[in-house]
Amino acid sequence: MAQVIDVDTTHMAKIDTTQLIEVDTTQIIRVPEDAEEIHSPKKAAIYSAILPGLGQAYNKKYWKIPIVYAGFGAIGYFIKWNNGNYKEMKQAYVDLTTGDPNEGSHVDLFPPDYDFSNSGTYNNAKTALTKQQDYYRRNRDLLVISFVGFYGLNIIDASVDAHLFDFDISEDLTFNWQPSMQSVDQQLVYGFNCSFNF
């Protein structure tokens, strides 16, 4: 069924200086229901910014949604894992430096026969725990940056895909090339013949 839109374009037409006649020019414009809606890249980007994967659903690329959530899930898991290890190393360093060196959470991280009463091994343990803290903190911070980058990539993918939504990829678009020989001044010239069909 077609939609009916009433457009009122009432005008006043002047016949002479003393008499005015009102002319009604209301028109009915019929817009077919199957009229094609314009696919908006801006709308796809906003949808993906609000809820990652929603822009891909708007573009009818449903197969990308699990990839988006698997990426966010993997990055989130490794952020949590690195943060947990960072906190463990930090607590072990605090236990080593503030309390009895032979008791605390750091003891489980080293071999059972490790001698914390020796100043050389004690300093080696402090250095090792400091390096481990730095390693896990750096990885956690890089993964947070990766999370933000993946979020941006999700938005860019939805926008670019929406731009290409109506791109014509029919069989009529072809690029053909083939070797050819032509005679120029009674000499054979070799080359390529290219043709575009669209």
N, C-alpha and C. Protein backbone atom coordinates (compact mmCIF):
# COMPACT_ATOMS: atom_id res chain seq x y z
N MET A 1 0.84 -1.18 0.00
CA MET A 1 0.00 0.00 0.00
C MET A 1 0.89 1.23 0.00
N ALA A 2 0.53 2.23 -0.77
CA ALA A 2 1.32 3.45 -0.88
C ALA A 2 0.93 4.45 0.19
N GLN A 3 1.90 5.24 0.62
CA GLN A 3 1.62 6.30 1.58
C GLN A 3 1.04 7.50 0.85
N VAL A 4 0.17 8.24 1.52
CA VAL A 4 -0.41 9.44 0.94
C VAL A 4 0.07 10.63 1.75
N ILE A 5 0.66 11.59 1.06
CA ILE A 5 1.15 12.80 1.72
C ILE A 5 0.39 13.98 1.14
N ASP A 6 -0.28 14.75 1.99
CA ASP A 6 -1.00 15.94 1.54
C ASP A 6 -0.07 17.13 1.62
N VAL A 7 0.04 17.84 0.51
CA VAL A 7 0.86 19.04 0.47
C VAL A 7 -0.07 20.21 0.17
N ASP A 8 -0.13 21.18 1.07
CA ASP A 8 -1.02 22.32 0.90
C ASP A 8 -0.21 23.50 0.34
N THR A 9 -0.52 23.85 -0.86
CA THR A 9 0.16 24.99 -1.48
C THR A 9 -0.89 26.02 -1.90
N THR A 10 -1.60 26.54 -0.93
CA THR A 10 -2.65 27.52 -1.21
C THR A 10 -2.01 28.85 -1.56
N HIS A 11 -2.45 29.42 -2.67
CA HIS A 11 -1.91 30.69 -3.14
C HIS A 11 -3.03 31.69 -3.34
N MET A 12 -2.70 32.91 -3.27
CA MET A 12 -3.65 33.98 -3.57
C MET A 12 -3.28 34.54 -4.94
N ALA A 13 -4.24 34.55 -5.85
CA ALA A 13 -3.99 35.12 -7.16
C ALA A 13 -4.76 36.43 -7.27
N LYS A 14 -4.11 37.46 -7.73
CA LYS A 14 -4.73 38.78 -7.81
C LYS A 14 -5.29 38.99 -9.22
N ILE A 15 -6.62 39.19 -9.29
CA ILE A 15 -7.27 39.38 -10.59
C ILE A 15 -7.19 40.86 -10.96
N ASP A 16 -7.65 41.70 -10.08
CA ASP A 16 -7.49 43.14 -10.29
C ASP A 16 -7.24 43.76 -8.94
N THR A 17 -7.21 45.03 -8.85
CA THR A 17 -6.83 45.71 -7.61
C THR A 17 -7.91 45.65 -6.55
N THR A 18 -9.13 45.25 -6.87
CA THR A 18 -10.21 45.25 -5.89
C THR A 18 -10.67 43.85 -5.50
N GLN A 19 -10.28 42.82 -6.24
CA GLN A 19 -10.82 41.49 -6.00
C GLN A 19 -9.69 40.46 -5.89
N LEU A 20 -9.75 39.63 -4.83
CA LEU A 20 -8.80 38.55 -4.63
C LEU A 20 -9.53 37.22 -4.73
N ILE A 21 -8.91 36.25 -5.38
CA ILE A 21 -9.48 34.92 -5.50
C ILE A 21 -8.49 33.93 -4.88
N GLU A 22 -9.02 33.07 -4.01
CA GLU A 22 -8.17 32.07 -3.39
C GLU A 22 -8.13 30.85 -4.31
N VAL A 23 -6.91 30.40 -4.62
CA VAL A 23 -6.73 29.24 -5.49
C VAL A 23 -6.13 28.12 -4.65
N ASP A 24 -6.81 26.99 -4.62
CA ASP A 24 -6.34 25.84 -3.86
C ASP A 24 -5.61 24.90 -4.80
N THR A 25 -4.31 24.68 -4.54
CA THR A 25 -3.52 23.79 -5.39
C THR A 25 -2.96 22.63 -4.55
N THR A 26 -3.79 22.04 -3.72
CA THR A 26 -3.37 20.91 -2.90
C THR A 26 -3.09 19.73 -3.81
N GLN A 27 -1.91 19.12 -3.61
CA GLN A 27 -1.52 17.99 -4.44
C GLN A 27 -1.33 16.77 -3.55
N ILE A 28 -1.62 15.64 -4.11
CA ILE A 28 -1.40 14.38 -3.41
C ILE A 28 -0.22 13.69 -4.08
N ILE A 29 0.79 13.46 -3.28
CA ILE A 29 2.00 12.79 -3.78
C ILE A 29 2.02 11.39 -3.19
N ARG A 30 2.13 10.41 -4.03
CA ARG A 30 2.16 9.02 -3.56
C ARG A 30 3.62 8.54 -3.54
N VAL A 31 4.04 8.07 -2.36
CA VAL A 31 5.38 7.52 -2.20
C VAL A 31 5.23 6.02 -2.02
N PRO A 32 5.80 5.23 -2.90
CA PRO A 32 5.65 3.78 -2.76
C PRO A 32 6.31 3.28 -1.47
N GLU A 33 5.71 2.25 -0.85
CA GLU A 33 6.25 1.71 0.39
C GLU A 33 7.60 1.06 0.19
N ASP A 34 7.84 0.55 -0.98
CA ASP A 34 9.11 -0.12 -1.21
C ASP A 34 10.20 0.87 -1.66
N ALA A 35 9.99 2.17 -1.41
CA ALA A 35 11.01 3.15 -1.75
C ALA A 35 12.26 2.84 -0.93
N GLU A 36 13.40 2.90 -1.58
CA GLU A 36 14.65 2.51 -0.95
C GLU A 36 15.12 3.56 0.05
N GLU A 37 15.38 3.10 1.28
CA GLU A 37 15.90 3.98 2.31
C GLU A 37 17.41 4.13 2.12
N ILE A 38 17.90 5.33 2.28
CA ILE A 38 19.32 5.58 2.12
C ILE A 38 20.07 4.97 3.30
N HIS A 39 21.10 4.21 3.00
CA HIS A 39 21.91 3.57 4.05
C HIS A 39 22.92 4.58 4.56
N SER A 40 22.82 4.93 5.82
CA SER A 40 23.61 6.01 6.39
C SER A 40 24.87 5.52 7.10
N PRO A 41 26.06 5.92 6.64
CA PRO A 41 27.30 5.58 7.35
C PRO A 41 27.37 6.24 8.72
N LYS A 42 26.81 7.43 8.82
CA LYS A 42 26.81 8.13 10.11
C LYS A 42 26.00 7.35 11.14
N LYS A 43 24.85 6.85 10.72
CA LYS A 43 23.99 6.08 11.62
C LYS A 43 24.70 4.79 12.04
N ALA A 44 25.38 4.14 11.10
CA ALA A 44 26.11 2.89 11.42
C ALA A 44 27.22 3.17 12.43
N ALA A 45 27.93 4.29 12.26
CA ALA A 45 29.02 4.63 13.18
C ALA A 45 28.47 4.95 14.57
N ILE A 46 27.36 5.66 14.63
CA ILE A 46 26.76 6.00 15.94
C ILE A 46 26.26 4.73 16.62
N TYR A 47 25.63 3.83 15.87
CA TYR A 47 25.17 2.57 16.46
C TYR A 47 26.33 1.78 17.04
N SER A 48 27.45 1.71 16.30
CA SER A 48 28.60 0.96 16.79
C SER A 48 29.26 1.65 17.97
N ALA A 49 29.18 2.97 18.02
CA ALA A 49 29.74 3.69 19.17
C ALA A 49 28.90 3.44 20.42
N ILE A 50 27.59 3.37 20.26
CA ILE A 50 26.70 3.14 21.41
C ILE A 50 26.84 1.71 21.91
N LEU A 51 26.76 0.74 21.00
CA LEU A 51 26.88 -0.67 21.37
C LEU A 51 27.71 -1.36 20.29
N PRO A 52 28.93 -1.77 20.62
CA PRO A 52 29.77 -2.42 19.60
C PRO A 52 29.04 -3.61 18.97
N GLY A 53 29.09 -3.67 17.65
CA GLY A 53 28.42 -4.72 16.90
C GLY A 53 27.07 -4.30 16.35
N LEU A 54 26.48 -3.25 16.93
CA LEU A 54 25.17 -2.80 16.46
C LEU A 54 25.27 -2.18 15.06
N GLY A 55 26.36 -1.50 14.77
CA GLY A 55 26.57 -0.95 13.43
C GLY A 55 26.71 -2.05 12.39
N GLN A 56 27.37 -3.15 12.78
CA GLN A 56 27.49 -4.28 11.86
C GLN A 56 26.12 -4.92 11.62
N ALA A 57 25.27 -4.96 12.66
CA ALA A 57 23.91 -5.48 12.48
C ALA A 57 23.11 -4.56 11.57
N TYR A 58 23.28 -3.25 11.72
CA TYR A 58 22.59 -2.28 10.86
C TYR A 58 23.01 -2.48 9.40
N ASN A 59 24.29 -2.84 9.18
CA ASN A 59 24.79 -3.07 7.83
C ASN A 59 24.46 -4.47 7.32
N LYS A 60 23.76 -5.26 8.15
CA LYS A 60 23.39 -6.63 7.80
C LYS A 60 24.62 -7.52 7.59
N LYS A 61 25.67 -7.27 8.36
CA LYS A 61 26.87 -8.11 8.37
C LYS A 61 26.91 -8.83 9.71
N TYR A 62 25.95 -9.71 9.90
CA TYR A 62 25.78 -10.37 11.19
C TYR A 62 26.96 -11.27 11.56
N TRP A 63 27.70 -11.77 10.59
CA TRP A 63 28.81 -12.65 10.86
C TRP A 63 29.96 -11.92 11.56
N LYS A 64 29.98 -10.58 11.50
CA LYS A 64 31.05 -9.82 12.14
C LYS A 64 30.81 -9.62 13.64
N ILE A 65 29.58 -9.76 14.08
CA ILE A 65 29.25 -9.48 15.49
C ILE A 65 30.01 -10.42 16.44
N PRO A 66 30.05 -11.74 16.20
CA PRO A 66 30.84 -12.60 17.11
C PRO A 66 32.33 -12.25 17.11
N ILE A 67 32.85 -11.81 15.98
CA ILE A 67 34.26 -11.42 15.91
C ILE A 67 34.51 -10.20 16.79
N VAL A 68 33.59 -9.23 16.74
CA VAL A 68 33.72 -8.03 17.57
C VAL A 68 33.73 -8.41 19.05
N TYR A 69 32.79 -9.23 19.47
CA TYR A 69 32.70 -9.58 20.88
C TYR A 69 33.81 -10.53 21.31
N ALA A 70 34.28 -11.39 20.41
CA ALA A 70 35.42 -12.25 20.74
C ALA A 70 36.68 -11.40 20.94
N GLY A 71 36.84 -10.36 20.12
CA GLY A 71 37.99 -9.46 20.28
C GLY A 71 37.94 -8.71 21.60
N PHE A 72 36.77 -8.17 21.92
CA PHE A 72 36.64 -7.46 23.20
C PHE A 72 36.82 -8.42 24.37
N GLY A 73 36.29 -9.63 24.26
CA GLY A 73 36.42 -10.60 25.34
C GLY A 73 37.86 -11.02 25.56
N ALA A 74 38.60 -11.28 24.47
CA ALA A 74 40.00 -11.69 24.59
C ALA A 74 40.85 -10.58 25.19
N ILE A 75 40.67 -9.37 24.71
CA ILE A 75 41.44 -8.25 25.25
C ILE A 75 41.09 -8.03 26.72
N GLY A 76 39.80 -8.09 27.05
CA GLY A 76 39.38 -7.91 28.44
C GLY A 76 39.94 -9.00 29.35
N TYR A 77 39.97 -10.24 28.87
CA TYR A 77 40.52 -11.34 29.67
C TYR A 77 42.00 -11.09 29.97
N PHE A 78 42.77 -10.71 28.97
CA PHE A 78 44.21 -10.51 29.18
C PHE A 78 44.50 -9.26 30.01
N ILE A 79 43.63 -8.26 29.94
CA ILE A 79 43.78 -7.11 30.84
C ILE A 79 43.63 -7.59 32.29
N LYS A 80 42.58 -8.37 32.54
CA LYS A 80 42.33 -8.88 33.90
C LYS A 80 43.48 -9.77 34.36
N TRP A 81 43.97 -10.65 33.50
CA TRP A 81 45.05 -11.57 33.85
C TRP A 81 46.33 -10.81 34.18
N ASN A 82 46.72 -9.87 33.34
CA ASN A 82 47.94 -9.09 33.60
C ASN A 82 47.79 -8.22 34.84
N ASN A 83 46.60 -7.67 35.06
CA ASN A 83 46.38 -6.85 36.25
C ASN A 83 46.49 -7.70 37.52
N GLY A 84 45.95 -8.92 37.48
CA GLY A 84 46.06 -9.82 38.63
C GLY A 84 47.50 -10.18 38.94
N ASN A 85 48.28 -10.49 37.91
CA ASN A 85 49.69 -10.80 38.11
C ASN A 85 50.47 -9.58 38.60
N TYR A 86 50.13 -8.41 38.09
CA TYR A 86 50.79 -7.18 38.56
C TYR A 86 50.54 -6.97 40.05
N LYS A 87 49.28 -7.14 40.47
CA LYS A 87 48.96 -6.96 41.89
C LYS A 87 49.66 -8.00 42.76
N GLU A 88 49.76 -9.24 42.25
CA GLU A 88 50.45 -10.29 43.00
C GLU A 88 51.93 -9.95 43.19
N MET A 89 52.58 -9.48 42.12
CA MET A 89 54.01 -9.13 42.21
C MET A 89 54.22 -7.91 43.10
N LYS A 90 53.30 -6.97 43.03
CA LYS A 90 53.40 -5.77 43.87
C LYS A 90 53.27 -6.14 45.34
N GLN A 91 52.30 -7.01 45.65
CA GLN A 91 52.12 -7.44 47.05
C GLN A 91 53.33 -8.24 47.52
N ALA A 92 53.90 -9.08 46.66
CA ALA A 92 55.08 -9.86 47.02
C ALA A 92 56.27 -8.93 47.30
N TYR A 93 56.41 -7.87 46.51
CA TYR A 93 57.49 -6.91 46.74
C TYR A 93 57.31 -6.19 48.07
N VAL A 94 56.07 -5.79 48.38
CA VAL A 94 55.78 -5.13 49.65
C VAL A 94 56.07 -6.08 50.81
N ASP A 95 55.66 -7.34 50.70
CA ASP A 95 55.92 -8.32 51.76
C ASP A 95 57.42 -8.55 51.95
N LEU A 96 58.16 -8.58 50.84
CA LEU A 96 59.59 -8.81 50.93
C LEU A 96 60.31 -7.66 51.60
N THR A 97 59.92 -6.43 51.28
CA THR A 97 60.66 -5.27 51.77
C THR A 97 60.20 -4.77 53.13
N THR A 98 58.98 -5.06 53.55
CA THR A 98 58.49 -4.48 54.81
C THR A 98 58.47 -5.46 55.97
N GLY A 99 58.38 -6.73 55.71
CA GLY A 99 58.25 -7.69 56.81
C GLY A 99 59.45 -8.60 56.89
N ASP A 100 59.23 -9.75 57.49
CA ASP A 100 60.26 -10.78 57.59
C ASP A 100 60.51 -11.33 56.19
N PRO A 101 61.74 -11.28 55.70
CA PRO A 101 62.01 -11.74 54.34
C PRO A 101 61.71 -13.23 54.12
N ASN A 102 61.64 -14.01 55.18
CA ASN A 102 61.40 -15.44 55.03
C ASN A 102 59.92 -15.80 55.11
N GLU A 103 59.02 -14.81 55.28
CA GLU A 103 57.59 -15.06 55.35
C GLU A 103 56.87 -14.05 54.46
N GLY A 104 55.77 -14.46 53.86
CA GLY A 104 54.97 -13.56 53.03
C GLY A 104 54.63 -14.20 51.70
N SER A 105 53.94 -13.45 50.87
CA SER A 105 53.47 -13.98 49.58
C SER A 105 54.61 -14.21 48.59
N HIS A 106 55.74 -13.57 48.79
CA HIS A 106 56.86 -13.71 47.88
C HIS A 106 57.55 -15.08 47.99
N VAL A 107 57.38 -15.74 49.12
CA VAL A 107 58.06 -17.02 49.35
C VAL A 107 57.59 -18.07 48.35
N ASP A 108 56.30 -18.04 47.98
CA ASP A 108 55.75 -19.02 47.04
C ASP A 108 56.25 -18.79 45.61
N LEU A 109 56.77 -17.62 45.31
CA LEU A 109 57.22 -17.31 43.95
C LEU A 109 58.65 -17.77 43.67
N PHE A 110 59.37 -18.12 44.70
CA PHE A 110 60.77 -18.52 44.55
C PHE A 110 60.94 -19.99 44.97
N PRO A 111 62.04 -20.61 44.59
CA PRO A 111 62.27 -22.01 45.00
C PRO A 111 62.30 -22.14 46.53
N PRO A 112 61.95 -23.32 47.04
CA PRO A 112 61.88 -23.50 48.50
C PRO A 112 63.21 -23.27 49.22
N ASP A 113 64.32 -23.52 48.56
CA ASP A 113 65.61 -23.36 49.23
C ASP A 113 66.22 -21.97 49.01
N TYR A 114 65.43 -21.03 48.54
CA TYR A 114 65.93 -19.67 48.28
C TYR A 114 66.21 -18.99 49.62
N ASP A 115 67.40 -18.42 49.76
CA ASP A 115 67.85 -17.83 51.02
C ASP A 115 67.66 -16.32 50.97
N PHE A 116 66.60 -15.83 51.60
CA PHE A 116 66.33 -14.39 51.63
C PHE A 116 67.19 -13.65 52.65
N SER A 117 67.85 -14.39 53.56
CA SER A 117 68.69 -13.73 54.57
C SER A 117 70.02 -13.28 53.97
N ASN A 118 70.43 -13.84 52.86
CA ASN A 118 71.64 -13.43 52.16
C ASN A 118 71.33 -12.14 51.40
N SER A 119 72.16 -11.11 51.56
CA SER A 119 71.89 -9.81 50.95
C SER A 119 71.91 -9.88 49.43
N GLY A 120 72.74 -10.74 48.83
CA GLY A 120 72.81 -10.87 47.37
C GLY A 120 71.54 -11.45 46.80
N THR A 121 71.07 -12.53 47.40
CA THR A 121 69.83 -13.15 46.91
C THR A 121 68.62 -12.28 47.23
N TYR A 122 68.69 -11.57 48.36
CA TYR A 122 67.60 -10.66 48.73
C TYR A 122 67.47 -9.55 47.68
N ASN A 123 68.60 -8.96 47.28
CA ASN A 123 68.58 -7.90 46.24
C ASN A 123 68.15 -8.47 44.89
N ASN A 124 68.57 -9.71 44.59
CA ASN A 124 68.13 -10.34 43.34
C ASN A 124 66.62 -10.55 43.34
N ALA A 125 66.06 -10.94 44.50
CA ALA A 125 64.62 -11.14 44.60
C ALA A 125 63.88 -9.82 44.42
N LYS A 126 64.39 -8.74 45.04
CA LYS A 126 63.76 -7.42 44.87
C LYS A 126 63.79 -6.99 43.40
N THR A 127 64.94 -7.18 42.75
CA THR A 127 65.06 -6.81 41.33
C THR A 127 64.11 -7.63 40.46
N ALA A 128 64.03 -8.93 40.74
CA ALA A 128 63.15 -9.81 39.94
C ALA A 128 61.69 -9.40 40.11
N LEU A 129 61.28 -9.11 41.35
CA LEU A 129 59.89 -8.71 41.58
C LEU A 129 59.59 -7.35 40.95
N THR A 130 60.54 -6.44 40.98
CA THR A 130 60.36 -5.13 40.34
C THR A 130 60.20 -5.28 38.83
N LYS A 131 61.04 -6.12 38.23
CA LYS A 131 60.94 -6.35 36.77
C LYS A 131 59.61 -7.01 36.40
N GLN A 132 59.17 -7.96 37.22
CA GLN A 132 57.89 -8.61 36.95
C GLN A 132 56.73 -7.63 37.07
N GLN A 133 56.79 -6.75 38.07
CA GLN A 133 55.75 -5.72 38.21
C GLN A 133 55.70 -4.85 36.97
N ASP A 134 56.87 -4.40 36.54
CA ASP A 134 56.94 -3.53 35.36
C ASP A 134 56.43 -4.25 34.11
N TYR A 135 56.76 -5.52 33.98
CA TYR A 135 56.34 -6.30 32.82
C TYR A 135 54.82 -6.41 32.75
N TYR A 136 54.20 -6.81 33.86
CA TYR A 136 52.75 -6.99 33.86
C TYR A 136 52.00 -5.66 33.77
N ARG A 137 52.54 -4.62 34.39
CA ARG A 137 51.90 -3.30 34.29
C ARG A 137 51.95 -2.79 32.86
N ARG A 138 53.11 -2.96 32.21
CA ARG A 138 53.25 -2.51 30.81
C ARG A 138 52.28 -3.26 29.90
N ASN A 139 52.21 -4.59 30.07
CA ASN A 139 51.28 -5.37 29.25
C ASN A 139 49.83 -4.97 29.48
N ARG A 140 49.48 -4.74 30.74
CA ARG A 140 48.11 -4.32 31.06
C ARG A 140 47.80 -2.98 30.40
N ASP A 141 48.72 -2.03 30.48
CA ASP A 141 48.49 -0.71 29.89
C ASP A 141 48.40 -0.78 28.37
N LEU A 142 49.24 -1.61 27.74
CA LEU A 142 49.16 -1.77 26.29
C LEU A 142 47.84 -2.41 25.87
N LEU A 143 47.36 -3.33 26.69
CA LEU A 143 46.08 -3.97 26.37
C LEU A 143 44.91 -3.00 26.53
N VAL A 144 45.00 -2.08 27.48
CA VAL A 144 43.95 -1.06 27.61
C VAL A 144 43.94 -0.18 26.37
N ILE A 145 45.12 0.19 25.89
CA ILE A 145 45.21 0.97 24.66
C ILE A 145 44.66 0.15 23.48
N SER A 146 44.97 -1.15 23.45
CA SER A 146 44.44 -2.02 22.39
C SER A 146 42.92 -2.11 22.45
N PHE A 147 42.36 -2.12 23.66
CA PHE A 147 40.91 -2.16 23.83
C PHE A 147 40.28 -0.92 23.21
N VAL A 148 40.85 0.24 23.48
CA VAL A 148 40.33 1.49 22.91
C VAL A 148 40.50 1.49 21.39
N GLY A 149 41.65 0.99 20.91
CA GLY A 149 41.87 0.90 19.47
C GLY A 149 40.90 -0.04 18.79
N PHE A 150 40.60 -1.17 19.43
CA PHE A 150 39.65 -2.12 18.87
C PHE A 150 38.24 -1.53 18.84
N TYR A 151 37.91 -0.75 19.85
CA TYR A 151 36.62 -0.05 19.88
C TYR A 151 36.52 0.92 18.69
N GLY A 152 37.60 1.67 18.45
CA GLY A 152 37.63 2.58 17.30
C GLY A 152 37.56 1.83 15.98
N LEU A 153 38.25 0.70 15.90
CA LEU A 153 38.22 -0.12 14.69
C LEU A 153 36.82 -0.64 14.41
N ASN A 154 36.09 -0.99 15.45
CA ASN A 154 34.70 -1.42 15.32
C ASN A 154 33.86 -0.32 14.69
N ILE A 155 34.04 0.92 15.12
CA ILE A 155 33.27 2.05 14.58
C ILE A 155 33.67 2.31 13.14
N ILE A 156 34.97 2.29 12.86
CA ILE A 156 35.45 2.54 11.49
C ILE A 156 34.93 1.46 10.55
N ASP A 157 34.96 0.20 10.99
CA ASP A 157 34.46 -0.89 10.15
C ASP A 157 32.99 -0.70 9.80
N ALA A 158 32.19 -0.31 10.78
CA ALA A 158 30.76 -0.11 10.53
C ALA A 158 30.55 1.03 9.54
N SER A 159 31.31 2.11 9.69
CA SER A 159 31.15 3.27 8.80
C SER A 159 31.58 2.93 7.37
N VAL A 160 32.73 2.31 7.22
CA VAL A 160 33.22 1.96 5.88
C VAL A 160 32.29 0.95 5.22
N ASP A 161 31.83 -0.02 5.99
CA ASP A 161 30.91 -1.01 5.44
C ASP A 161 29.60 -0.37 4.99
N ALA A 162 29.14 0.64 5.73
CA ALA A 162 27.92 1.34 5.33
C ALA A 162 28.15 2.16 4.06
N HIS A 163 29.35 2.74 3.92
CA HIS A 163 29.67 3.46 2.69
C HIS A 163 29.62 2.52 1.48
N LEU A 164 30.06 1.29 1.67
CA LEU A 164 30.12 0.33 0.57
C LEU A 164 28.87 -0.54 0.47
N PHE A 165 27.85 -0.24 1.27
CA PHE A 165 26.64 -1.06 1.31
C PHE A 165 25.96 -1.14 -0.05
N ASP A 166 25.86 -0.03 -0.75
CA ASP A 166 25.18 0.01 -2.06
C ASP A 166 26.15 -0.07 -3.22
N PHE A 167 27.38 -0.47 -2.97
CA PHE A 167 28.39 -0.56 -4.02
C PHE A 167 28.02 -1.67 -4.99
N ASP A 168 28.05 -1.37 -6.28
CA ASP A 168 27.63 -2.32 -7.31
C ASP A 168 28.76 -3.32 -7.58
N ILE A 169 28.49 -4.58 -7.28
CA ILE A 169 29.48 -5.63 -7.55
C ILE A 169 28.89 -6.68 -8.49
N SER A 170 28.07 -6.23 -9.41
CA SER A 170 27.42 -7.17 -10.32
C SER A 170 28.41 -7.69 -11.36
N GLU A 171 27.96 -8.64 -12.15
CA GLU A 171 28.80 -9.23 -13.19
C GLU A 171 29.10 -8.25 -14.32
N ASP A 172 28.36 -7.16 -14.40
CA ASP A 172 28.57 -6.20 -15.47
C ASP A 172 29.86 -5.41 -15.28
N LEU A 173 30.41 -5.42 -14.09
CA LEU A 173 31.66 -4.72 -13.84
C LEU A 173 32.82 -5.65 -14.13
N THR A 174 33.51 -5.41 -15.22
CA THR A 174 34.63 -6.27 -15.57
C THR A 174 35.80 -5.45 -16.07
N PHE A 175 36.97 -6.01 -15.85
CA PHE A 175 38.21 -5.46 -16.37
C PHE A 175 38.91 -6.60 -17.07
N ASN A 176 39.02 -6.49 -18.38
CA ASN A 176 39.66 -7.54 -19.17
C ASN A 176 40.95 -7.03 -19.75
N TRP A 177 41.97 -7.85 -19.70
CA TRP A 177 43.22 -7.52 -20.37
C TRP A 177 43.74 -8.78 -21.05
N GLN A 178 44.38 -8.56 -22.18
CA GLN A 178 44.93 -9.68 -22.93
C GLN A 178 46.09 -9.17 -23.77
N PRO A 179 47.03 -10.04 -24.05
CA PRO A 179 48.17 -9.61 -24.89
C PRO A 179 47.69 -9.33 -26.32
N SER A 180 48.37 -8.39 -26.96
CA SER A 180 47.98 -8.06 -28.34
C SER A 180 49.21 -7.70 -29.16
N MET A 181 49.03 -7.79 -30.48
CA MET A 181 50.08 -7.38 -31.42
C MET A 181 49.46 -6.40 -32.40
N GLN A 182 50.17 -5.32 -32.67
CA GLN A 182 49.71 -4.34 -33.64
C GLN A 182 50.85 -4.04 -34.60
N SER A 183 50.45 -3.67 -35.79
CA SER A 183 51.45 -3.32 -36.79
C SER A 183 51.59 -1.80 -36.87
N VAL A 184 52.78 -1.31 -36.59
CA VAL A 184 53.06 0.12 -36.66
C VAL A 184 54.26 0.28 -37.60
N ASP A 185 54.09 1.03 -38.69
CA ASP A 185 55.14 1.23 -39.70
C ASP A 185 55.72 -0.11 -40.18
N GLN A 186 54.85 -1.06 -40.42
CA GLN A 186 55.19 -2.39 -40.91
C GLN A 186 56.08 -3.18 -39.95
N GLN A 187 55.99 -2.84 -38.66
CA GLN A 187 56.70 -3.60 -37.62
C GLN A 187 55.67 -4.05 -36.58
N LEU A 188 55.87 -5.21 -36.04
CA LEU A 188 54.97 -5.71 -35.02
C LEU A 188 55.34 -5.12 -33.66
N VAL A 189 54.34 -4.61 -32.97
CA VAL A 189 54.52 -4.06 -31.64
C VAL A 189 53.68 -4.90 -30.69
N TYR A 190 54.30 -5.38 -29.61
CA TYR A 190 53.61 -6.22 -28.62
C TYR A 190 53.14 -5.34 -27.46
N GLY A 191 52.00 -5.67 -26.94
CA GLY A 191 51.46 -4.89 -25.82
C GLY A 191 50.28 -5.60 -25.17
N PHE A 192 49.54 -4.85 -24.37
CA PHE A 192 48.36 -5.38 -23.70
C PHE A 192 47.15 -4.57 -24.12
N ASN A 193 46.03 -5.27 -24.28
CA ASN A 193 44.78 -4.63 -24.63
C ASN A 193 43.89 -4.67 -23.38
N CYS A 194 43.48 -3.52 -22.90
CA CYS A 194 42.64 -3.44 -21.69
C CYS A 194 41.27 -2.93 -22.06
N SER A 195 40.23 -3.51 -21.47
CA SER A 195 38.87 -3.01 -21.68
C SER A 195 38.11 -3.03 -20.38
N PHE A 196 37.33 -2.00 -20.16
CA PHE A 196 36.50 -1.85 -18.97
C PHE A 196 35.03 -1.96 -19.39
N ASN A 197 34.26 -2.71 -18.67
CA ASN A 197 32.82 -2.78 -18.90
C ASN A 197 32.12 -2.43 -17.61
N PHE A 198 31.20 -1.49 -17.68
CA PHE A 198 30.41 -1.14 -16.49
C PHE A 198 29.06 -0.65 -16.90
